[in-house]
Amino acid sequence: MLQKDIHEFLDRYFTANECEIIERRDKHLLHVQLTIELDKLLMNRPFYWHYQELTGAEPNPMKLMLKTEQTEDDTEGEFIHFGSPRLHQIFQSTRQLASYIRLFENVQQNESSYVPLVPWLGLNIKVSYQCDRKKDFLHSIGLNLINGMMVSEFQGLLESKPLTPKIPDYCYTMSSLIKPVSGIKRIEQYIDHVIESDDPQWSIDARKRWQEDEDLLDHFYQDTEEIPESYHLEKQALKDLYEPKAVVQIINGGMFYLSNSTMMN
């Protein structure tokens, strides 16, 4: 996930959750006025909100300044990158706020003809390669629920379209031939294929480091007549630390009804 992708995600996140954007600067800095709900989720002020609710005082949600590029002034804004605690916290909050959405392309049409809107399943998925090190990737996949066409970087496509939560006048939705549950399985299979096709060097290197540390452990206990329990515990700890694994997590998703012209642009 590139820094510009993080910036765009943050902009969408705060806008969708009705936060006032006080300042957008150079496509790397966002200064936002949090809502009460987001202040409670992100700013870790339970005592303040408990006191406010007890006394009925005027609520005063905080402002947040985030940047996705390092600048000379380290005091201006909180630097956000993929893997940073704040971004992970925001990802987590999407589950509590709304992990599923339904939107329609806002097609301007007159009553002389009706426009069909095609159902798409869209998922934003985080893939984490984990061992003693960690590397994360974000995939945005869209699946046409009529013809099975799959599109990567689907979020970028959505951003280019005017979307609305209410179906526009003189439009109708086409029925899905692929059920959403089956669609999710197709996308999961695609992600599995991406993982299998990816460069395995990260896991090869992890296993090499794992073997080197196991060799050191064996060397340390080689003169011990009876292997103590601590040896087995340390060996298991090395396995837990180094064993390569890919963890797939759906961040959020939704149904998007788009015009046929969407894939022609």
Protein backbone atom coordinates (compact mmCIF):
# COMPACT_ATOMS: atom_id res chain seq x y z
CA MET A 1 0.00 0.00 0.00
CA LEU A 2 1.57 3.26 -1.15
CA GLN A 3 1.56 6.40 0.97
CA LYS A 4 -0.76 8.13 -1.53
CA ASP A 5 -3.19 5.22 -1.14
CA ILE A 6 -3.12 5.69 2.63
CA HIS A 7 -3.82 9.40 2.22
CA GLU A 8 -6.79 8.70 -0.06
CA PHE A 9 -8.11 6.05 2.33
CA LEU A 10 -7.89 8.46 5.29
CA ASP A 11 -9.63 11.21 3.32
CA ARG A 12 -12.48 8.85 2.40
CA TYR A 13 -12.66 7.47 5.95
CA PHE A 14 -13.08 10.84 7.65
CA THR A 15 -15.40 12.20 4.95
CA ALA A 16 -17.62 9.11 5.09
CA ASN A 17 -17.84 9.46 8.87
CA GLU A 18 -18.95 13.09 8.59
CA CYS A 19 -15.82 14.71 9.98
CA GLU A 20 -15.09 18.28 8.94
CA ILE A 21 -11.89 18.45 6.89
CA ILE A 22 -10.26 21.60 8.24
CA GLU A 23 -7.29 21.42 5.87
CA ARG A 24 -6.01 19.28 3.00
CA ARG A 25 -2.42 20.10 2.11
CA ASP A 26 -0.29 18.87 -0.81
CA LYS A 27 -2.01 15.47 -0.86
CA HIS A 28 -0.11 14.35 2.24
CA LEU A 29 -1.62 16.18 5.22
CA LEU A 30 -5.13 16.06 6.65
CA HIS A 31 -6.38 18.20 9.51
CA VAL A 32 -9.80 16.99 10.66
CA GLN A 33 -12.35 17.83 13.29
CA LEU A 34 -13.47 14.53 14.78
CA THR A 35 -17.06 13.72 15.53
CA ILE A 36 -18.02 12.58 19.00
CA GLU A 37 -18.22 8.97 17.80
CA LEU A 38 -14.75 9.01 16.23
CA ASP A 39 -13.24 10.79 19.23
CA LYS A 40 -14.51 7.97 21.42
CA LEU A 41 -13.13 5.34 19.05
CA LEU A 42 -9.72 6.86 18.29
CA MET A 43 -8.59 9.24 21.04
CA ASN A 44 -8.72 7.00 24.14
CA ARG A 45 -10.48 9.47 26.44
CA PRO A 46 -12.98 7.31 28.35
CA PHE A 47 -12.76 9.40 31.54
CA TYR A 48 -13.44 12.63 29.67
CA TRP A 49 -16.53 11.21 27.95
CA HIS A 50 -17.75 9.59 31.15
CA TYR A 51 -17.48 12.93 32.96
CA GLN A 52 -19.11 14.78 30.06
CA GLU A 53 -22.06 12.38 30.03
CA LEU A 54 -22.46 12.60 33.81
CA THR A 55 -22.41 16.39 33.94
CA GLY A 56 -24.10 17.12 30.64
CA ALA A 57 -21.27 19.47 29.69
CA GLU A 58 -20.87 20.67 26.11
CA PRO A 59 -18.96 17.95 24.21
CA ASN A 60 -15.62 19.00 22.76
CA PRO A 61 -14.29 16.34 20.35
CA MET A 62 -10.64 16.69 19.43
CA LYS A 63 -8.98 17.63 16.16
CA LEU A 64 -6.52 15.28 14.49
CA MET A 65 -3.70 16.14 12.09
CA LEU A 66 -2.28 13.25 10.09
CA LYS A 67 0.45 13.25 7.45
CA THR A 68 1.58 10.55 5.04
CA GLU A 69 4.95 12.12 4.20
CA GLN A 70 7.85 12.87 6.50
CA THR A 71 8.49 16.63 6.76
CA GLU A 72 11.18 18.78 8.31
CA ASP A 73 8.77 19.83 11.03
CA ASP A 74 8.24 16.58 12.97
CA THR A 75 5.89 18.36 15.38
CA GLU A 76 3.32 19.05 12.66
CA GLY A 77 0.99 16.13 12.41
CA GLU A 78 1.22 12.43 13.19
CA PHE A 79 3.07 10.42 10.55
CA ILE A 80 0.95 7.55 9.25
CA HIS A 81 2.30 4.58 7.32
CA PHE A 82 1.10 1.06 6.63
CA GLY A 83 1.64 -0.82 9.88
CA SER A 84 1.55 2.24 12.15
CA PRO A 85 -0.59 1.84 15.30
CA ARG A 86 -2.89 4.71 14.34
CA LEU A 87 -3.68 3.24 10.92
CA HIS A 88 -4.27 -0.18 12.48
CA GLN A 89 -6.63 1.49 14.97
CA ILE A 90 -8.54 3.13 12.12
CA PHE A 91 -8.79 -0.18 10.28
CA GLN A 92 -10.20 -1.74 13.45
CA SER A 93 -12.74 1.06 13.84
CA THR A 94 -14.21 0.40 10.40
CA ARG A 95 -15.65 -2.85 11.76
CA GLN A 96 -17.42 -1.00 14.55
CA LEU A 97 -18.66 1.83 12.34
CA ALA A 98 -19.77 0.12 9.15
CA SER A 99 -18.00 -2.79 7.54
CA TYR A 100 -20.59 -3.13 4.78
CA ILE A 101 -22.04 -0.48 2.46
CA ARG A 102 -24.48 -0.32 -0.44
CA LEU A 103 -24.10 2.44 -3.04
CA PHE A 104 -25.43 3.28 -6.50
CA GLU A 105 -23.79 5.13 -9.34
CA ASN A 106 -25.54 8.48 -9.61
CA VAL A 107 -26.46 8.33 -13.28
CA GLN A 108 -28.22 11.41 -14.61
CA GLN A 109 -31.03 10.21 -16.84
CA ASN A 110 -34.35 11.48 -18.19
CA GLU A 111 -37.61 9.59 -18.15
CA SER A 112 -37.39 8.64 -21.83
CA SER A 113 -35.34 5.56 -20.96
CA TYR A 114 -34.28 3.61 -17.91
CA VAL A 115 -30.67 2.74 -17.08
CA PRO A 116 -29.74 -0.72 -15.75
CA LEU A 117 -27.23 -0.78 -12.89
CA VAL A 118 -24.97 -3.82 -12.65
CA PRO A 119 -24.30 -5.35 -9.20
CA TRP A 120 -20.64 -5.49 -8.13
CA LEU A 121 -19.24 -6.98 -4.96
CA GLY A 122 -16.30 -4.94 -3.68
CA LEU A 123 -13.89 -6.06 -0.95
CA ASN A 124 -10.88 -4.36 0.59
CA ILE A 125 -8.57 -7.08 1.87
CA LYS A 126 -5.37 -6.90 3.88
CA VAL A 127 -2.76 -9.61 3.30
CA SER A 128 -0.04 -9.83 5.96
CA TYR A 129 3.13 -11.86 5.44
CA GLN A 130 4.20 -12.69 8.99
CA CYS A 131 7.31 -14.27 10.49
CA ASP A 132 9.85 -12.52 12.73
CA ARG A 133 9.14 -9.62 10.38
CA LYS A 134 5.87 -8.40 8.92
CA LYS A 135 4.84 -6.94 5.58
CA ASP A 136 1.30 -5.86 4.73
CA PHE A 137 -0.46 -5.39 1.40
CA LEU A 138 -3.92 -3.99 0.70
CA HIS A 139 -5.95 -5.40 -2.20
CA SER A 140 -9.17 -3.81 -3.45
CA ILE A 141 -11.10 -6.31 -5.58
CA GLY A 142 -14.36 -5.88 -7.44
CA LEU A 143 -16.43 -8.77 -8.83
CA ASN A 144 -19.21 -8.33 -11.38
CA LEU A 145 -22.04 -10.49 -10.03
CA ILE A 146 -23.52 -11.06 -13.48
CA ASN A 147 -20.61 -12.07 -15.73
CA GLY A 148 -17.93 -12.89 -13.11
CA MET A 149 -15.49 -10.23 -14.32
CA MET A 150 -12.93 -9.36 -11.63
CA VAL A 151 -11.18 -6.00 -11.30
CA SER A 152 -8.19 -5.17 -9.13
CA GLU A 153 -7.75 -1.68 -7.67
CA PHE A 154 -11.54 -1.49 -7.53
CA GLN A 155 -11.47 1.31 -4.95
CA GLY A 156 -9.79 3.59 -7.49
CA LEU A 157 -12.57 2.85 -9.97
CA LEU A 158 -15.21 3.73 -7.37
CA GLU A 159 -13.50 7.01 -6.57
CA SER A 160 -13.93 8.10 -10.18
CA LYS A 161 -17.70 7.62 -9.99
CA PRO A 162 -20.40 9.72 -8.29
CA LEU A 163 -22.00 7.37 -5.77
CA THR A 164 -25.14 7.76 -3.70
CA PRO A 165 -26.87 5.60 -1.04
CA LYS A 166 -30.21 6.02 -2.86
CA ILE A 167 -30.95 4.57 -6.29
CA PRO A 168 -31.21 7.42 -8.81
CA ASP A 169 -34.41 8.19 -10.67
CA TYR A 170 -35.04 6.25 -13.88
CA CYS A 171 -32.55 3.53 -12.93
CA TYR A 172 -33.10 -0.07 -11.93
CA THR A 173 -30.83 -2.77 -10.53
CA MET A 174 -30.12 -5.98 -12.41
CA SER A 175 -30.46 -9.27 -10.54
CA SER A 176 -27.26 -11.00 -9.50
CA LEU A 177 -26.47 -14.32 -11.17
CA ILE A 178 -23.63 -14.92 -8.71
CA LYS A 179 -24.64 -14.89 -5.06
CA PRO A 180 -22.57 -12.58 -2.82
CA VAL A 181 -21.42 -15.54 -0.68
CA SER A 182 -20.12 -17.29 -3.81
CA GLY A 183 -18.57 -14.01 -4.89
CA ILE A 184 -16.64 -13.75 -1.64
CA LYS A 185 -15.30 -17.27 -2.18
CA ARG A 186 -14.18 -16.36 -5.71
CA ILE A 187 -12.32 -13.32 -4.42
CA GLU A 188 -10.73 -15.38 -1.64
CA GLN A 189 -9.55 -17.92 -4.24
CA TYR A 190 -8.06 -15.08 -6.27
CA ILE A 191 -6.20 -13.77 -3.22
CA ASP A 192 -4.92 -17.29 -2.49
CA HIS A 193 -3.59 -17.45 -6.07
CA VAL A 194 -1.88 -14.05 -5.61
CA ILE A 195 -0.19 -15.32 -2.45
CA GLU A 196 0.91 -18.58 -4.10
CA SER A 197 2.30 -16.68 -7.09
CA ASP A 198 4.16 -14.13 -5.00
CA ASP A 199 7.93 -14.21 -4.51
CA PRO A 200 8.57 -16.78 -1.71
CA GLN A 201 11.97 -15.33 -0.79
CA TRP A 202 10.61 -13.75 2.40
CA SER A 203 9.58 -17.19 3.75
CA ILE A 204 12.84 -18.82 2.58
CA ASP A 205 14.84 -16.17 4.45
CA ALA A 206 12.67 -16.60 7.56
CA ARG A 207 13.21 -20.36 7.60
CA LYS A 208 16.94 -19.81 7.21
CA ARG A 209 17.01 -17.48 10.24
CA TRP A 210 14.84 -20.00 12.10
CA GLN A 211 17.28 -22.84 11.35
CA GLU A 212 20.26 -20.74 12.44
CA ASP A 213 18.66 -19.98 15.80
CA GLU A 214 17.64 -23.62 16.24
CA ASP A 215 21.24 -24.65 15.59
CA LEU A 216 22.39 -22.24 18.30
CA LEU A 217 19.79 -23.63 20.68
CA ASP A 218 20.88 -27.22 19.99
CA HIS A 219 24.51 -26.23 20.46
CA PHE A 220 23.71 -24.68 23.85
CA TYR A 221 22.06 -27.89 25.09
CA GLN A 222 24.37 -30.40 23.37
CA ASP A 223 26.26 -31.35 26.53
CA THR A 224 23.14 -31.72 28.62
CA GLU A 225 22.50 -35.34 29.58
CA GLU A 226 18.78 -34.86 30.07
CA ILE A 227 16.97 -32.34 27.89
CA PRO A 228 15.08 -29.96 30.20
CA GLU A 229 11.58 -28.62 29.61
CA SER A 230 13.05 -25.19 28.88
CA TYR A 231 14.58 -26.57 25.65
CA HIS A 232 11.20 -27.56 24.30
CA LEU A 233 9.68 -24.24 25.36
CA GLU A 234 12.44 -22.28 23.62
CA LYS A 235 12.13 -24.42 20.51
CA GLN A 236 8.39 -23.78 20.38
CA ALA A 237 9.05 -20.06 20.88
CA LEU A 238 11.35 -20.07 17.84
CA LYS A 239 8.63 -21.79 15.80
CA ASP A 240 6.05 -19.20 16.89
CA LEU A 241 8.44 -16.39 15.98
CA TYR A 242 9.82 -17.55 12.64
CA GLU A 243 7.26 -19.84 11.00
CA PRO A 244 6.09 -18.02 7.83
CA LYS A 245 2.38 -17.49 7.41
CA ALA A 246 0.10 -15.35 5.29
CA VAL A 247 -2.87 -13.86 7.14
CA VAL A 248 -5.83 -12.65 5.05
CA GLN A 249 -8.28 -10.20 6.57
CA ILE A 250 -11.32 -8.54 4.98
CA ILE A 251 -11.26 -4.88 6.08
CA ASN A 252 -14.62 -3.88 4.63
CA GLY A 253 -16.80 -4.36 1.60
CA GLY A 254 -20.08 -3.60 -0.05
CA MET A 255 -22.45 -3.89 -2.96
CA PHE A 256 -22.04 -1.31 -5.70
CA TYR A 257 -24.53 -0.88 -8.53
CA LEU A 258 -22.76 0.64 -11.53
CA SER A 259 -23.78 1.51 -15.07
CA ASN A 260 -22.54 -0.55 -17.99
CA SER A 261 -20.45 2.41 -19.14
CA THR A 262 -18.28 2.04 -16.03
CA MET A 263 -15.99 -0.60 -17.56
CA MET A 264 -15.85 1.18 -20.91
CA ASN A 265 -14.16 4.32 -19.55
